[in-house]
Structures are given as structure tokens and as C-alpha cells.
Protein backbone atom coordinates (compact mmCIF):
# COMPACT_ATOMS: atom_id res chain seq x y z
CA MET A 1 17.03 18.58 -7.42
CA GLU A 2 16.67 15.50 -9.61
CA PHE A 3 13.45 14.74 -11.45
CA PHE A 4 12.12 11.80 -13.42
CA ILE A 5 10.31 13.11 -16.49
CA LYS A 6 8.41 11.25 -19.17
CA LYS A 7 5.96 12.20 -21.88
CA LEU A 8 3.18 9.62 -21.74
CA GLY A 9 2.41 7.61 -24.86
CA SER A 10 -0.94 6.44 -26.22
CA ASN A 11 -0.37 2.83 -25.19
CA GLU A 12 0.51 3.91 -21.65
CA SER A 13 -2.71 5.91 -21.51
CA GLY A 14 -5.03 3.10 -22.51
CA TYR A 15 -5.68 4.07 -26.12
CA SER A 16 -6.38 1.76 -29.03
CA GLY A 17 -5.82 4.04 -32.00
CA ASP A 18 -7.70 7.16 -30.93
CA ILE A 19 -10.17 5.30 -28.76
CA PRO A 20 -9.44 5.81 -25.02
CA ASP A 21 -9.94 3.46 -22.08
CA ARG A 22 -9.32 0.26 -24.03
CA ARG A 23 -6.59 -1.11 -21.75
CA GLY A 24 -4.81 -0.55 -18.47
CA LYS A 25 -2.85 2.64 -17.86
CA PHE A 26 0.76 2.67 -16.73
CA ILE A 27 4.12 4.41 -16.99
CA LEU A 28 6.90 2.30 -18.50
CA ILE A 29 10.14 2.93 -16.60
CA PRO A 30 13.27 2.59 -18.79
CA LYS A 31 16.27 0.71 -17.44
CA SER A 32 18.28 3.94 -17.37
CA CYS A 33 15.90 5.23 -14.67
CA TYR A 34 15.63 2.15 -12.44
CA GLU A 35 17.94 3.61 -9.80
CA PHE A 36 15.57 6.52 -9.23
CA PHE A 37 12.82 4.23 -7.92
CA PRO A 38 12.61 1.53 -5.20
CA LYS A 39 14.40 -1.73 -5.92
CA HIS A 40 12.83 -5.08 -6.77
CA SER A 41 14.00 -8.62 -6.13
CA ALA A 42 14.68 -11.06 -8.97
CA LYS A 43 13.89 -14.02 -6.69
CA TYR A 44 10.15 -13.27 -6.92
CA LEU A 45 8.20 -13.66 -10.15
CA ASN A 46 6.57 -10.34 -11.08
CA ASP A 47 7.78 -8.65 -7.92
CA ILE A 48 5.68 -5.79 -6.56
CA THR A 49 6.62 -2.81 -4.47
CA LEU A 50 4.58 0.23 -3.48
CA ILE A 51 5.27 3.93 -3.91
CA ASP A 52 3.52 6.91 -2.31
CA PHE A 53 2.88 9.83 -4.64
CA ILE A 54 2.17 13.22 -3.08
CA THR A 55 0.14 15.36 -5.47
CA PRO A 56 -0.36 19.15 -5.59
CA GLU A 57 -3.93 18.46 -4.37
CA GLY A 58 -2.47 17.36 -1.03
CA ASN A 59 -3.30 13.69 -1.47
CA VAL A 60 -0.94 10.78 -0.84
CA ILE A 61 -1.76 8.09 -3.41
CA ALA A 62 -0.34 4.57 -3.19
CA ARG A 63 0.69 3.02 -6.49
CA LYS A 64 1.93 -0.36 -7.62
CA TYR A 65 5.41 -0.52 -9.13
CA ASP A 66 5.81 -3.94 -10.75
CA TRP A 67 8.75 -5.76 -12.27
CA HIS A 68 7.49 -8.15 -14.94
CA ASN A 69 10.56 -10.36 -14.77
CA ALA A 70 9.62 -13.72 -16.35
CA LYS A 71 13.03 -13.65 -18.03
CA TYR A 72 14.58 -14.68 -14.71
CA HIS A 73 12.11 -17.53 -14.07
CA ILE A 74 11.27 -18.96 -17.49
CA SER A 75 13.76 -21.84 -17.16
CA SER A 76 12.11 -23.08 -13.95
CA ARG A 77 8.43 -22.45 -14.74
CA GLU A 78 6.55 -24.46 -17.37
CA ASP A 79 3.67 -21.98 -17.36
CA LEU A 80 5.88 -19.14 -18.68
CA ASN A 81 6.35 -18.71 -22.43
CA ARG A 82 7.56 -15.11 -22.75
CA ALA A 83 10.75 -13.68 -21.29
CA HIS A 84 9.35 -10.39 -20.00
CA ASP A 85 11.76 -7.96 -18.42
CA GLU A 86 10.24 -4.52 -17.84
CA LYS A 87 9.14 -2.30 -14.98
CA ARG A 88 5.79 -0.55 -14.94
CA LEU A 89 4.39 2.04 -12.59
CA TYR A 90 0.63 1.48 -12.68
CA ARG A 91 -1.60 4.51 -12.81
CA SER A 92 -5.03 4.77 -11.17
CA LYS A 93 -8.16 6.87 -11.26
CA ALA A 94 -7.00 8.88 -8.27
CA LEU A 95 -3.55 9.63 -9.68
CA ASP A 96 -4.87 10.40 -13.17
CA LYS A 97 -7.49 12.74 -11.70
CA ASP A 98 -5.11 14.67 -9.45
CA LEU A 99 -2.45 15.05 -12.16
CA ASP A 100 -4.72 15.23 -15.20
CA LEU A 101 -2.72 12.44 -16.85
CA ASP A 102 -3.35 11.43 -20.45
CA ARG A 103 -1.32 10.78 -23.58
CA ASP A 104 1.17 13.52 -24.49
CA VAL A 105 1.15 14.81 -20.89
CA PHE A 106 4.50 15.04 -19.09
CA PHE A 107 4.58 13.07 -15.84
CA ILE A 108 7.26 14.37 -13.46
CA CYS A 109 8.25 13.28 -9.98
CA CYS A 110 11.03 13.81 -7.47
CA LYS A 111 12.12 12.35 -4.15
CA LEU A 112 13.14 14.65 -1.31
CA ASP A 113 14.32 12.06 1.23
CA ASP A 114 15.07 8.36 1.62
CA LYS A 115 11.43 7.29 1.97
CA PRO A 116 9.61 5.63 -0.99
CA GLN A 117 7.57 8.82 -1.27
CA TYR A 118 7.64 11.06 -4.33
CA TYR A 119 6.26 14.49 -5.12
CA SER A 120 4.45 14.13 -8.43
CA PHE A 121 3.04 16.63 -10.90
CA SER A 122 2.38 17.06 -14.59
CA VAL A 123 2.63 19.52 -17.44
CA THR A 124 -0.13 19.43 -20.06
CA GLU A 125 -0.32 20.96 -23.51
CA SER A 126 -2.19 23.95 -22.10
CA ASP A 127 0.62 24.83 -19.67
CA GLU A 128 3.09 27.57 -20.59
CA ASP A 129 6.18 25.40 -20.13
CA TYR A 130 4.91 22.53 -22.28
CA VAL A 131 6.71 23.68 -25.46
CA TYR A 132 10.01 23.92 -23.58
CA LEU A 133 9.66 20.39 -22.17
CA ASN A 134 8.54 19.02 -25.52
CA GLU A 135 11.63 20.41 -27.21
CA ASN A 136 14.13 19.33 -24.57
CA PHE A 137 12.90 15.99 -23.20
CA LYS A 138 12.19 13.64 -26.07
CA LYS A 139 12.66 10.53 -23.94
CA ALA A 140 12.20 9.49 -20.31
CA GLN A 141 15.17 10.49 -18.18
CA ILE A 142 16.48 11.72 -14.85
CA VAL A 143 17.28 15.43 -15.07
CA ARG A 144 18.32 18.54 -13.20
CA ASP A 145 16.63 21.52 -14.80
CA THR A 146 15.89 25.03 -13.54
CA VAL A 147 12.59 25.28 -15.44
CA ILE A 148 11.33 22.05 -13.88
CA ASP A 149 12.56 23.36 -10.51
CA SER A 150 10.37 26.43 -10.95
CA ILE A 151 7.36 24.33 -11.99
CA PHE A 152 7.81 22.17 -8.90
CA GLU A 153 8.08 25.23 -6.67
CA ALA A 154 4.89 26.71 -8.13
CA LYS A 155 2.96 23.43 -7.81
CA PHE A 156 3.90 22.73 -4.20
CA ARG A 157 4.47 26.21 -2.76
CA SER A 158 1.10 26.19 -0.98
CA LEU A 159 0.90 22.44 -0.38
CA GLN A 160 -1.24 21.40 2.56
CA LEU A 161 -1.14 17.65 3.04
CA LYS A 162 -4.42 16.11 4.04
CA GLU A 163 -4.57 13.99 7.19
CA ASP A 164 -2.18 11.07 7.53
CA GLN A 165 -4.13 8.84 5.16
CA ILE A 166 -3.07 7.05 2.00
CA ILE A 167 -5.41 6.46 -0.93
CA ILE A 168 -5.19 2.73 -1.59
CA GLU A 169 -7.24 1.56 -4.55
CA LYS A 170 -8.71 -1.81 -5.48
CA ASP A 171 -5.87 -2.98 -7.73
CA ILE A 172 -3.45 -2.91 -4.80
CA ILE A 173 -5.87 -4.83 -2.57
CA ASP A 174 -6.36 -7.42 -5.32
CA SER A 175 -2.62 -7.81 -5.87
CA PHE A 176 -2.23 -9.25 -2.39
CA SER A 177 -5.54 -11.09 -2.06
CA ASP A 178 -4.49 -14.45 -3.52
CA ASP A 179 -2.24 -17.18 -2.22
CA ILE A 180 0.03 -17.44 -5.25
CA PRO A 181 3.61 -16.88 -3.98
CA ASN A 182 4.63 -14.67 -6.88
CA THR A 183 5.41 -11.46 -5.03
CA ALA A 184 7.62 -10.42 -2.16
CA LYS A 185 4.69 -10.27 0.26
CA VAL A 186 6.76 -11.54 3.14
CA ASP A 187 9.53 -9.02 2.48
CA LEU A 188 7.30 -6.01 1.85
CA ILE A 189 7.95 -3.35 4.47
CA LEU A 190 4.81 -1.33 5.14
CA SER A 191 4.65 2.06 6.81
CA GLU A 192 2.26 2.61 9.72
CA ALA A 193 -0.15 4.37 7.35
CA TYR A 194 -0.14 1.43 4.88
CA PHE A 195 -0.56 -1.02 7.74
CA ARG A 196 -3.56 0.83 9.10
CA GLU A 197 -5.25 1.31 5.73
CA LEU A 198 -4.83 -2.32 4.64
CA VAL A 199 -6.02 -3.66 7.99
CA MET A 200 -9.05 -1.36 7.85
CA LYS A 201 -9.88 -2.54 4.33
CA ALA A 202 -9.40 -6.19 5.32
CA TYR A 203 -12.20 -5.81 7.88
CA GLY A 204 -14.42 -3.39 5.98
CA SER A 205 -13.52 -0.51 8.33
CA LYS A 206 -15.35 -2.25 11.18
CA CYS A 207 -14.14 -3.76 14.42
CA CYS A 208 -13.44 -7.42 13.68
CA VAL A 209 -15.13 -8.43 16.96
CA ARG A 210 -18.05 -5.99 17.24
CA GLU A 211 -18.54 -5.78 13.47
CA ASP A 212 -19.28 -2.08 13.85
CA SER A 213 -17.46 1.24 14.04
CA ILE A 214 -17.93 4.89 14.90
CA VAL A 215 -17.72 7.12 11.82
CA HIS A 216 -17.56 10.91 11.94
CA GLY A 217 -17.06 12.66 8.63
CA ASP A 218 -13.96 11.09 7.09
CA LYS A 219 -12.80 9.72 10.45
CA ILE A 220 -13.18 6.05 11.39
CA ILE A 221 -12.75 5.57 15.12
CA LEU A 222 -10.88 2.28 15.00
CA GLN A 223 -7.32 1.17 15.58
CA ALA A 224 -5.11 -1.23 13.69
CA ALA A 225 -3.81 -3.55 16.40
CA HIS A 226 -0.70 -5.70 16.11
CA ILE A 227 -1.16 -9.36 17.05
CA LYS A 228 2.55 -9.85 17.69
CA PRO A 229 3.52 -6.57 19.37
CA LYS A 230 5.67 -4.12 17.48
CA ARG A 231 7.54 -3.12 20.64
CA GLU A 232 10.95 -4.41 21.63
CA PRO A 233 12.03 -7.16 21.87
CA TYR A 234 9.32 -8.70 19.64
CA PHE A 235 9.24 -6.36 16.61
CA GLY A 236 6.02 -7.68 15.11
CA PRO A 237 5.87 -6.66 11.42
CA ASN A 238 3.61 -4.11 9.79
CA ILE A 239 1.71 -6.55 7.56
CA PRO A 240 -2.05 -7.13 7.52
CA SER A 241 -1.70 -10.77 8.66
CA ASN A 242 -0.29 -9.36 11.91
CA GLY A 243 -3.16 -6.92 12.30
CA LEU A 244 -6.72 -6.65 13.57
CA ALA A 245 -9.20 -3.79 13.23
CA LEU A 246 -10.36 -3.11 16.79
CA SER A 247 -12.24 -0.53 18.81
CA TYR A 248 -10.10 1.34 21.31
CA ASP A 249 -11.27 -0.65 24.36
CA LEU A 250 -10.97 -4.08 22.71
CA HIS A 251 -7.51 -3.13 21.46
CA ARG A 252 -6.41 -2.25 25.00
CA MET A 253 -7.89 -5.47 26.37
CA PHE A 254 -6.17 -7.49 23.62
CA ASP A 255 -2.82 -5.87 24.40
CA GLU A 256 -3.36 -6.58 28.11
CA GLY A 257 -3.97 -10.24 27.31
CA MET A 258 -7.59 -10.31 28.50
CA TRP A 259 -8.54 -12.11 25.32
CA THR A 260 -6.84 -13.79 22.40
CA ILE A 261 -7.70 -15.76 19.25
CA THR A 262 -7.68 -19.53 18.84
CA GLU A 263 -6.26 -21.57 15.96
CA GLN A 264 -9.83 -21.74 14.65
CA LEU A 265 -9.95 -17.90 14.55
CA ARG A 266 -12.40 -17.56 17.43
CA VAL A 267 -12.29 -15.19 20.41
CA LEU A 268 -10.96 -16.77 23.60
CA VAL A 269 -11.63 -14.68 26.71
CA HIS A 270 -9.44 -15.21 29.75
CA PRO A 271 -11.26 -17.16 32.52
CA LYS A 272 -10.69 -14.35 35.08
CA VAL A 273 -12.73 -11.84 33.06
CA LEU A 274 -15.06 -14.23 31.25
CA ASN A 275 -17.97 -13.43 33.58
CA GLN A 276 -17.74 -9.72 32.76
CA ASN A 277 -20.26 -9.25 29.98
CA LEU A 278 -18.44 -6.35 28.32
CA LEU A 279 -15.88 -8.85 27.05
CA GLY A 280 -17.33 -12.25 27.94
CA MET A 281 -20.22 -11.78 25.51
CA TYR A 282 -17.76 -12.24 22.64
CA GLN A 283 -16.47 -15.65 23.75
CA GLY A 284 -16.29 -17.92 20.68
CA LYS A 285 -16.89 -15.06 18.21
CA ALA A 286 -15.44 -15.88 14.78
CA ILE A 287 -12.83 -13.50 13.32
CA ALA A 288 -13.09 -13.33 9.53
CA PRO A 289 -11.37 -10.80 7.24
CA LEU A 290 -13.42 -9.85 4.20
CA ILE A 291 -10.50 -10.24 1.78
CA SER A 292 -9.21 -13.70 0.96
CA GLY A 293 -5.57 -14.71 1.06
CA THR A 294 -2.88 -15.27 3.66
CA PHE A 295 -1.65 -11.68 3.32
CA TYR A 296 -4.80 -10.53 5.18
CA LYS A 297 -5.81 -13.56 7.27
CA PRO A 298 -4.37 -13.56 10.83
CA ASP A 299 -1.15 -15.55 10.68
CA PRO A 300 -1.14 -18.72 12.85
CA GLU A 301 2.43 -17.98 13.97
CA TYR A 302 1.51 -14.53 15.32
CA LEU A 303 -1.66 -15.86 16.96
CA LYS A 304 0.32 -18.62 18.65
CA PHE A 305 2.78 -16.00 19.95
CA HIS A 306 -0.09 -13.93 21.39
CA ARG A 307 -1.65 -16.94 23.11
CA GLU A 308 1.65 -18.08 24.62
CA VAL A 309 3.23 -14.73 25.53
CA GLU A 310 0.54 -12.02 25.80
CA PHE A 311 -2.59 -13.90 26.88
CA GLY A 312 -3.20 -13.48 30.62
CA LYS A 313 -0.37 -11.01 31.29
CA PHE A 314 -2.84 -8.60 32.95
CA ASP A 315 -3.14 -11.12 35.81
CA THR A 316 -0.20 -10.23 38.04
CA THR A 317 -1.18 -12.97 40.51
CA ARG A 318 -0.53 -15.85 38.12
């Protein structure tokens, strides 16, 4: 099995001298290791992709993997004055907590299939194999090593993944909450879990129509509905601008075309069910995501599709 291994430096761990938490925390990925991680596109300034990290705690933590690539855009952008060309994997409180990351700690990860999902773990100075790693891995690299194999086996032997949820932290939400076209937002392929989590966050984990939800423990009884259906032959994309947070019944009624959303982002109930208060009471209700930016706001193109193709399809007499 192949592993990426790197001993974290002080600058990557937010230190200024010996003072911690003075700057952001990241993992600098050397060019020799680019092929181990998801690809970026040079056509986007500071392109972003996302990686899932499975930890020994059983969590799946989403992280930003950014290519600071001003070098490829500096000739066409007057606002750029430095030719950056480096890739950084940005750490977070959740990842640092699960892996006990800090300076001089070895961060290690491996990929077991073709998904952008990596098993991640660490070796700290208090671990028995730290001296071996410190002697043999002076720089970041991709390796095959029996000792690291055994560490991996010990870390994940009893792994029990928590429910199909991804921990998505504020920095990822903020990265897509503006309208500056500097990332591959339109090309970003999201899994069902990412789609659900981002749609839920866009509407504060409440139904976008009822503005309420049923919560039981860590369960939120809501669904992430596609505006343009995902089914064949339409293949609506898994992006938040094609999603709505809806209660089960309103989701079913939306999919049946009993209601839709206008260009002004207001509920439009079909005339044949408008007099039924269960749905008719929401006529004209404004739909408003809590996060700004076109990445989260319902896309006019998908809304137009729903009005023209899906709206009213429940009425077989039309």
C-alpha cells in the first residue's frame, strides 16, 4: 500500500517562533506528491477541490485542497503581483483534534480506492515508531513501508465509521459563499453526502418553506431535494444551487410538481391544489438561503426547468 507521509513544520502548524496559533494551519504538498492527490485545473485562479479524510475516530472530515496558482494568471490579472505556485491541504480543528496534529508530528494518509477519500492518521513523538519514521523520512514523500503498514493496520483494525455524515467546517462554507469566479465551482463534483450537508447548511438545517425541522439526537429529519431531477435523462448536478432543504412531504409534492418556485424565489402552488391548506398556505412564501453567493442560491436555470418540465406533472388530466 502507498502512503503519503510528512513531518509537519512549525510554519504549517501556525507557530511564530515558539508561539502557537499565530497563523493558519496547513500541509504543504510538494510537487513530487501531486499525483497522489486529486487534480486541479490551471484555468481557475486558486482552484479548490475537496478531500474526505477518514480518521481512526470514525469521522469523515472534509478538507480544502487548494492550488495557489497565480503564476498561471499573473499576465492577465492586474491585481496579481506574486507568481504563487503551490498546493496546500488546509487543516481544521476537527482534523487536528482527531489526529493530534502539531509541529513535528508525522501526518500520514493513504487511498484505498478511486474515490477522493483518504484514510488518515498520525505518529507523534510519544509513539513507539516515531524514532523509526524520524530517521527514515526526512522529507515528504510517497512510500511503501512495512512499518507504516503495521501502524495503519493497528489504527484502523477496529474502525467503526459513524453514520453517513461528513464534517464540513466554516472555512469550506466561506470558500464558496462569494460570487468571485476564482474557483472551479461549476466543475466541482459533489458526492451525495456533500450535497446534503451543504444544502442543509445553506438553509440552517431547516425546511426552506416551513422554516422548521424535526431534530432527534444527531438526526435532522429533512431531505436535500434536487430542483432539476438527478434521474435520467435530466442528470441534475449535486451542487447546492440545485438543492433545497425540504421536509419529506414537501419534497414529495415538489417532485410531483404540485408546487414550484418563481423567478422571484417565491412558492408557486399549482391551481388544482391551491385550495388545500396543507400546501396552499405557503403560496407566495419567499425562499432565502442563509449563505450568500450563487453557489448556494437556487439557480434560475434549474428553477426554469422545474417550472417548465416538472410543475403540474401530477395532473394526469392536463
